[in-house]
Amino acid sequence: MLNALVLSGGVALGSFEAGICAALEAGGGPRPDWVAGASAGAVNAAIFAGNPPEQRAARLRQFWEGMAEDPLPGFSLFFGAPMADGPLRRAHNRAAALQSLLFGRPGLFMPRFLPEAIMGRAPSLYDLTPLRRRLPELVDFDRLNAGPLRVTLVATDVTSGKRVVFDTARGTRIGPEHVVASCALLPLFAPVEVEGRLLGDGGLASNAPVDLVLEEEQEVLCILAELFAAAGAPPGNLSGSLARAGDLALGNQTQRLLEGHARLLRLRDSLHRLAALVPEERRTEPEVAALLAEAGPPARAIVLRIGYRAPPDEAGAGKLFDFSRATTADRWQAGEEALRRGLRKLAEAPAPGPGLVLHDIET
């Protein structure tokens, strides 16, 4: 059975799936054979695959803690960590998001000068050059491309609208430019030219490219990190409404991919049962043989979807830019705990039959 890890996009929410990766390494399994990602998930995937197992968690922590910062310098030193919830924590989170939007994040992005944005010389509000420069410090790209893990990253062609897939198993040599292209969410970040194409964020096509993994093998165990929960509470304000819209759009995108593959596996199972009713002498007829070949061998897929549901005091629509130390640490810990719960659920589940079996874990 193929073991796969799929990491979705979500800017600062990516620290949640970094916690998943760290717990997966600490727990000893299931060891991924394949890691796929988009946007922030592409960054985590590159760090994960571009380091030996014993260094993966440390490199991920180096990346995420290197960007984390208190919105009020010295606040934690004098007053301690912010409260876990309540109005003060809500204000802290919103201040952290505003800080990122105004000043950028070290090692990730920096704001462009306003005149450039107004006059159209730079088609984005922020510049991802800091990420492009930092990636070689965290990722051994020789190991990523020739190591034991298959790596797949996705981007979106902003001209044709098509999904673009970079896959080390299909001859692509992935470099920093491929990772940055997968993160280039318009209009925040400018599209990146790679191999003659102008590419934007992979999440514009498939924020969690789980379909690539499910379509590849007949038997697969996939751990899927979903950073946008489709199910959630009704919003209480305008910022919450905007955040909820993002959760619905991207969370339902993933749900449709899973539902589509479940239908495909059910159809294959039906064809296998139908084939048993076809007389042996008719199976060699060209038309019948072609139809039976569509079934392929019996297939099954087990998907452990680990979803991040933002707590009530997160920064609403600004949660994507909340890189505060407290929130980054909370999300990392939530990812670790969710992965451990998910592995226990898998261990306790009965042996699956053909088809797609979905296990859901949410924070």
Protein backbone atom coordinates (compact mmCIF):
# COMPACT_ATOMS: atom_id res chain seq x y z
CA MET A 1 0.00 0.00 0.00
CA LEU A 2 1.23 3.47 -0.90
CA ASN A 3 1.52 5.93 1.99
CA ALA A 4 0.93 9.55 0.95
CA LEU A 5 0.89 12.91 2.69
CA VAL A 6 -1.07 15.78 1.12
CA LEU A 7 -0.53 19.31 2.46
CA SER A 8 -2.89 22.13 1.54
CA GLY A 9 -2.36 25.87 1.30
CA GLY A 10 -3.31 28.49 3.86
CA VAL A 11 -0.43 30.97 4.43
CA ALA A 12 0.07 31.23 8.24
CA LEU A 13 -2.24 28.26 8.83
CA GLY A 14 0.57 26.11 7.46
CA SER A 15 2.08 25.86 10.94
CA PHE A 16 -0.79 23.46 11.75
CA GLU A 17 0.31 21.01 9.09
CA ALA A 18 3.94 21.50 10.09
CA GLY A 19 2.87 20.14 13.48
CA ILE A 20 1.28 17.19 11.68
CA CYS A 21 4.56 16.50 9.87
CA ALA A 22 6.55 16.71 13.11
CA ALA A 23 4.20 14.34 14.93
CA LEU A 24 4.26 11.94 11.99
CA GLU A 25 8.04 11.72 12.22
CA ALA A 26 8.03 11.45 16.01
CA GLY A 27 5.35 8.77 15.96
CA GLY A 28 7.26 6.56 13.57
CA GLY A 29 4.61 6.09 10.94
CA PRO A 30 3.09 5.60 8.59
CA ARG A 31 6.17 6.81 6.76
CA PRO A 32 5.13 8.64 3.57
CA ASP A 33 6.31 7.41 0.21
CA TRP A 34 4.90 10.47 -1.49
CA VAL A 35 4.28 14.05 -0.36
CA ALA A 36 2.16 16.50 -2.36
CA GLY A 37 1.38 20.11 -1.61
CA ALA A 38 0.11 23.48 -2.76
CA SER A 39 1.00 26.98 -1.58
CA ALA A 40 2.02 26.85 2.11
CA GLY A 41 1.71 23.09 1.76
CA ALA A 42 4.29 23.21 -1.03
CA VAL A 43 6.74 24.95 1.33
CA ASN A 44 6.15 22.36 4.05
CA ALA A 45 6.40 19.54 1.52
CA ALA A 46 9.72 20.85 0.20
CA ILE A 47 11.20 21.17 3.70
CA PHE A 48 9.88 17.73 4.64
CA ALA A 49 11.26 16.00 1.55
CA GLY A 50 14.44 18.06 1.36
CA ASN A 51 15.81 16.91 4.71
CA PRO A 52 16.63 13.53 6.29
CA PRO A 53 13.93 12.22 8.65
CA GLU A 54 15.85 13.14 11.79
CA GLN A 55 16.07 16.80 10.70
CA ARG A 56 12.60 17.38 9.25
CA ALA A 57 10.87 18.59 12.40
CA ALA A 58 13.77 20.87 13.31
CA ARG A 59 13.84 22.45 9.86
CA LEU A 60 10.09 22.98 9.86
CA ARG A 61 10.29 24.56 13.28
CA GLN A 62 13.17 26.76 12.11
CA PHE A 63 11.04 28.04 9.25
CA TRP A 64 7.85 28.71 11.20
CA GLU A 65 9.44 30.06 14.36
CA GLY A 66 11.72 32.24 12.24
CA MET A 67 8.68 34.15 10.99
CA ALA A 68 6.80 34.27 14.29
CA GLU A 69 6.85 37.55 16.15
CA ASP A 70 4.86 39.32 18.86
CA PRO A 71 2.73 42.18 17.50
CA LEU A 72 3.94 44.33 20.40
CA PRO A 73 7.69 43.80 20.90
CA GLY A 74 8.49 42.96 24.48
CA PHE A 75 4.88 42.25 25.43
CA SER A 76 5.46 38.57 26.22
CA LEU A 77 8.72 39.36 28.01
CA PHE A 78 7.03 41.64 30.52
CA PHE A 79 3.47 40.31 30.63
CA GLY A 80 3.87 36.67 29.64
CA ALA A 81 2.13 34.83 26.83
CA PRO A 82 -1.30 36.14 25.81
CA MET A 83 -4.37 34.43 27.23
CA ALA A 84 -5.63 31.37 25.40
CA ASP A 85 -8.92 33.06 24.52
CA GLY A 86 -11.10 36.05 25.21
CA PRO A 87 -11.06 39.70 24.06
CA LEU A 88 -7.36 40.24 24.80
CA ARG A 89 -6.32 37.24 22.75
CA ARG A 90 -8.62 38.33 19.95
CA ALA A 91 -7.02 41.78 19.92
CA HIS A 92 -3.55 40.19 20.03
CA ASN A 93 -4.31 38.01 17.01
CA ARG A 94 -5.75 40.87 14.99
CA ALA A 95 -2.76 43.05 15.79
CA ALA A 96 -0.44 40.28 14.61
CA ALA A 97 -2.32 39.97 11.32
CA LEU A 98 -2.20 43.73 10.81
CA GLN A 99 1.52 43.73 11.55
CA SER A 100 2.11 41.16 8.80
CA LEU A 101 -0.03 43.04 6.30
CA LEU A 102 1.81 46.30 6.99
CA PHE A 103 5.39 45.09 7.31
CA GLY A 104 5.49 41.60 5.81
CA ARG A 105 7.19 38.57 7.34
CA PRO A 106 10.96 37.96 7.50
CA GLY A 107 11.94 35.06 5.29
CA LEU A 108 8.57 34.97 3.56
CA PHE A 109 7.34 38.21 1.98
CA MET A 110 7.78 41.96 2.12
CA PRO A 111 5.45 44.77 1.05
CA ARG A 112 6.04 46.56 -2.21
CA PHE A 113 6.18 50.34 -2.31
CA LEU A 114 2.70 51.77 -2.64
CA PRO A 115 3.44 53.86 -5.78
CA GLU A 116 4.38 50.66 -7.62
CA ALA A 117 1.08 49.05 -6.70
CA ILE A 118 -0.90 52.12 -7.72
CA MET A 119 0.88 52.69 -11.01
CA GLY A 120 0.75 49.03 -12.00
CA ARG A 121 4.48 48.43 -12.38
CA ALA A 122 4.26 45.61 -9.83
CA PRO A 123 1.14 43.43 -10.17
CA SER A 124 1.02 42.53 -6.50
CA LEU A 125 0.95 44.02 -3.02
CA TYR A 126 3.82 41.89 -1.66
CA ASP A 127 7.07 40.38 -2.88
CA LEU A 128 8.01 36.73 -2.26
CA THR A 129 11.74 37.29 -2.85
CA PRO A 130 12.55 36.65 0.86
CA LEU A 131 11.05 33.15 0.55
CA ARG A 132 12.97 32.52 -2.66
CA ARG A 133 16.23 33.43 -0.92
CA ARG A 134 15.52 31.46 2.24
CA LEU A 135 14.45 28.14 0.77
CA PRO A 136 18.00 26.91 -0.11
CA GLU A 137 18.95 27.37 3.57
CA LEU A 138 16.20 24.98 4.65
CA VAL A 139 15.88 22.57 1.75
CA ASP A 140 18.45 20.28 0.17
CA PHE A 141 17.02 20.35 -3.34
CA ASP A 142 19.33 17.54 -4.50
CA ARG A 143 17.81 15.32 -1.82
CA LEU A 144 14.29 16.52 -2.64
CA ASN A 145 14.71 15.51 -6.29
CA ALA A 146 16.70 12.31 -5.86
CA GLY A 147 15.74 11.17 -2.37
CA PRO A 148 13.39 8.39 -1.29
CA LEU A 149 10.24 10.55 -1.32
CA ARG A 150 8.22 11.31 -4.42
CA VAL A 151 7.36 15.02 -4.38
CA THR A 152 4.50 16.69 -6.23
CA LEU A 153 3.76 20.42 -6.14
CA VAL A 154 0.97 22.22 -7.97
CA ALA A 155 0.61 25.71 -9.38
CA THR A 156 -1.91 27.41 -11.68
CA ASP A 157 -1.23 28.81 -15.15
CA VAL A 158 -2.68 32.32 -14.84
CA THR A 159 -3.13 32.58 -18.61
CA SER A 160 -4.88 29.31 -19.42
CA GLY A 161 -6.28 28.64 -15.94
CA LYS A 162 -4.98 25.08 -16.04
CA ARG A 163 -3.40 23.29 -13.12
CA VAL A 164 0.32 22.74 -13.53
CA VAL A 165 1.85 19.73 -11.78
CA PHE A 166 5.53 19.42 -10.88
CA ASP A 167 6.34 15.81 -10.07
CA THR A 168 9.79 14.38 -9.35
CA ALA A 169 8.55 10.95 -10.48
CA ARG A 170 7.72 12.38 -13.90
CA GLY A 171 11.00 14.07 -14.69
CA THR A 172 10.59 17.50 -13.09
CA ARG A 173 13.55 18.85 -11.19
CA ILE A 174 11.92 20.98 -8.52
CA GLY A 175 13.77 24.11 -7.42
CA PRO A 176 12.97 27.16 -5.29
CA GLU A 177 11.16 28.80 -8.20
CA HIS A 178 8.61 25.96 -8.35
CA VAL A 179 7.88 26.30 -4.64
CA VAL A 180 7.50 30.08 -4.86
CA ALA A 181 5.24 29.77 -7.91
CA SER A 182 2.94 27.49 -5.93
CA CYS A 183 2.66 30.24 -3.28
CA ALA A 184 1.99 33.17 -5.63
CA LEU A 185 -1.59 33.99 -4.66
CA LEU A 186 -2.87 36.84 -6.83
CA PRO A 187 -3.17 39.78 -6.15
CA LEU A 188 -1.15 39.49 -2.94
CA PHE A 189 1.86 38.01 -4.70
CA ALA A 190 2.98 38.37 -8.30
CA PRO A 191 2.87 35.31 -10.57
CA VAL A 192 6.19 33.60 -11.22
CA GLU A 193 7.52 32.62 -14.63
CA VAL A 194 8.64 28.97 -14.69
CA GLU A 195 9.53 27.08 -17.85
CA GLY A 196 7.95 29.76 -20.01
CA ARG A 197 4.63 29.86 -18.15
CA LEU A 198 3.33 32.51 -15.78
CA LEU A 199 2.21 30.64 -12.68
CA GLY A 200 0.16 31.51 -9.62
CA ASP A 201 -0.87 29.82 -6.40
CA GLY A 202 -1.67 26.12 -6.62
CA GLY A 203 -4.73 26.66 -4.45
CA LEU A 204 -6.41 28.50 -7.32
CA ALA A 205 -6.71 25.10 -9.04
CA SER A 206 -6.64 22.59 -6.17
CA ASN A 207 -5.75 23.77 -2.70
CA ALA A 208 -5.38 20.18 -1.49
CA PRO A 209 -4.29 18.12 -4.53
CA VAL A 210 -5.46 14.83 -3.06
CA ASP A 211 -6.84 13.66 -6.41
CA LEU A 212 -3.33 13.29 -7.82
CA VAL A 213 -2.50 10.76 -5.13
CA LEU A 214 -5.80 8.87 -5.24
CA GLU A 215 -5.72 8.42 -9.00
CA GLU A 216 -2.19 7.03 -9.09
CA GLU A 217 -2.36 3.77 -7.17
CA GLN A 218 -4.81 0.96 -6.58
CA GLU A 219 -4.23 0.93 -2.83
CA VAL A 220 -3.35 4.08 -0.91
CA LEU A 221 -3.33 5.39 2.64
CA CYS A 222 -3.44 9.18 2.46
CA ILE A 223 -3.03 11.62 5.33
CA LEU A 224 -4.63 14.86 4.18
CA ALA A 225 -4.06 18.15 6.01
CA GLU A 226 -7.07 20.40 5.33
CA LEU A 227 -6.61 23.98 6.52
CA PHE A 228 -10.12 25.19 5.67
CA ALA A 229 -12.97 23.40 7.44
CA ALA A 230 -16.17 23.33 5.40
CA ALA A 231 -18.25 22.85 8.56
CA GLY A 232 -18.25 25.70 11.06
CA ALA A 233 -20.29 28.16 13.07
CA PRO A 234 -22.21 31.02 11.43
CA PRO A 235 -20.13 34.22 11.28
CA GLY A 236 -20.86 36.98 13.75
CA ASN A 237 -19.31 39.92 11.88
CA LEU A 238 -18.08 41.03 8.47
CA SER A 239 -14.53 39.75 8.98
CA GLY A 240 -15.93 36.41 10.12
CA SER A 241 -18.11 36.26 7.02
CA LEU A 242 -15.10 36.75 4.77
CA ALA A 243 -13.16 34.06 6.63
CA ARG A 244 -16.15 31.71 6.46
CA ALA A 245 -16.44 32.25 2.70
CA GLY A 246 -12.82 31.13 2.29
CA ASP A 247 -13.41 28.07 4.45
CA LEU A 248 -16.46 27.10 2.42
CA ALA A 249 -14.86 27.66 -0.96
CA LEU A 250 -11.65 25.75 -0.29
CA GLY A 251 -13.03 23.15 2.10
CA ASN A 252 -15.79 22.23 -0.34
CA GLN A 253 -13.23 22.12 -3.16
CA THR A 254 -11.48 19.29 -1.31
CA GLN A 255 -14.78 17.59 -0.48
CA ARG A 256 -15.76 17.49 -4.16
CA LEU A 257 -12.44 15.85 -5.06
CA LEU A 258 -13.00 13.16 -2.45
CA GLU A 259 -16.60 12.60 -3.49
CA GLY A 260 -15.56 12.30 -7.13
CA HIS A 261 -12.98 9.65 -6.36
CA ALA A 262 -15.43 7.76 -4.14
CA ARG A 263 -17.88 7.64 -7.07
CA LEU A 264 -15.10 6.37 -9.35
CA LEU A 265 -14.22 3.54 -6.97
CA ARG A 266 -17.88 2.60 -6.57
CA LEU A 267 -18.21 2.46 -10.35
CA ARG A 268 -15.16 0.22 -10.61
CA ASP A 269 -16.58 -2.09 -7.97
CA SER A 270 -19.87 -2.26 -9.89
CA LEU A 271 -18.01 -3.17 -13.06
CA HIS A 272 -16.20 -5.98 -11.22
CA ARG A 273 -19.50 -7.39 -9.97
CA LEU A 274 -21.00 -7.02 -13.43
CA ALA A 275 -18.02 -8.81 -14.98
CA ALA A 276 -18.76 -11.85 -12.84
CA LEU A 277 -22.13 -12.15 -14.62
CA VAL A 278 -20.63 -12.07 -18.13
CA PRO A 279 -20.23 -15.54 -19.68
CA GLU A 280 -16.62 -16.54 -20.15
CA GLU A 281 -16.98 -16.94 -23.91
CA ARG A 282 -18.11 -13.31 -24.31
CA ARG A 283 -15.30 -11.75 -22.31
CA THR A 284 -12.89 -11.93 -25.26
CA GLU A 285 -15.21 -10.03 -27.59
CA PRO A 286 -13.51 -6.67 -28.34
CA GLU A 287 -16.41 -4.50 -27.17
CA VAL A 288 -16.96 -6.47 -23.97
CA ALA A 289 -13.24 -6.74 -23.21
CA ALA A 290 -12.82 -2.98 -23.59
CA LEU A 291 -15.64 -2.32 -21.13
CA LEU A 292 -14.33 -4.81 -18.57
CA ALA A 293 -10.84 -3.31 -18.84
CA GLU A 294 -12.22 0.00 -17.58
CA ALA A 295 -12.71 -1.56 -14.17
CA GLY A 296 -9.03 -2.20 -13.57
CA PRO A 297 -7.97 -4.22 -10.54
CA PRO A 298 -9.96 -3.88 -7.29
CA ALA A 299 -9.03 -0.58 -5.63
CA ARG A 300 -9.29 0.93 -2.18
CA ALA A 301 -8.23 4.17 -0.61
CA ILE A 302 -8.08 5.17 3.05
CA VAL A 303 -8.05 8.91 3.65
CA LEU A 304 -7.37 10.42 7.05
CA ARG A 305 -8.47 14.05 6.67
CA ILE A 306 -7.12 16.22 9.49
CA GLY A 307 -8.95 19.52 9.43
CA TYR A 308 -8.03 22.80 11.06
CA ARG A 309 -11.01 24.66 12.47
CA ALA A 310 -10.02 28.11 13.65
CA PRO A 311 -10.92 28.89 17.27
CA PRO A 312 -13.44 31.73 17.83
CA ASP A 313 -10.78 34.24 18.85
CA GLU A 314 -8.65 33.93 15.74
CA ALA A 315 -8.32 37.05 13.62
CA GLY A 316 -11.27 36.42 11.28
CA ALA A 317 -10.27 37.00 7.68
CA GLY A 318 -6.83 38.02 8.95
CA LYS A 319 -6.13 34.53 10.33
CA LEU A 320 -4.06 33.80 7.22
CA PHE A 321 -1.59 36.49 8.30
CA ASP A 322 -1.49 35.86 12.04
CA PHE A 323 2.14 34.83 12.53
CA SER A 324 2.27 35.70 16.23
CA ARG A 325 4.40 33.40 18.37
CA ALA A 326 1.41 32.32 20.44
CA THR A 327 -0.81 31.47 17.46
CA THR A 328 1.98 29.74 15.54
CA ALA A 329 2.75 27.58 18.59
CA ASP A 330 -0.94 26.84 19.19
CA ARG A 331 -1.47 25.74 15.60
CA TRP A 332 1.65 23.56 15.63
CA GLN A 333 0.51 21.86 18.83
CA ALA A 334 -3.01 21.41 17.46
CA GLY A 335 -1.55 19.68 14.39
CA GLU A 336 0.51 17.33 16.53
CA GLU A 337 -2.45 16.41 18.71
CA ALA A 338 -4.78 15.94 15.74
CA LEU A 339 -2.31 13.63 14.00
CA ARG A 340 -1.96 11.48 17.10
CA ARG A 341 -5.76 11.22 17.40
CA GLY A 342 -5.97 10.36 13.73
CA LEU A 343 -3.43 7.55 13.98
CA ARG A 344 -5.33 6.09 16.93
CA LYS A 345 -8.52 6.20 14.88
CA LEU A 346 -6.83 4.38 12.02
CA ALA A 347 -5.48 1.72 14.37
CA GLU A 348 -8.94 1.10 15.82
CA ALA A 349 -10.80 1.06 12.49
CA PRO A 350 -11.85 -2.28 10.97
CA ALA A 351 -10.09 -3.50 7.86
CA PRO A 352 -11.53 -1.63 4.85
CA GLY A 353 -12.95 -3.23 1.75
CA PRO A 354 -12.81 -1.86 -1.79
CA GLY A 355 -13.72 1.79 -2.22
CA LEU A 356 -12.85 4.98 -0.39
CA VAL A 357 -12.94 5.10 3.40
CA LEU A 358 -12.78 8.58 4.88
CA HIS A 359 -11.81 9.26 8.50
CA ASP A 360 -12.23 12.83 9.72
CA ILE A 361 -10.35 14.48 12.58
CA GLU A 362 -10.91 18.16 13.41
CA THR A 363 -9.39 20.47 15.99
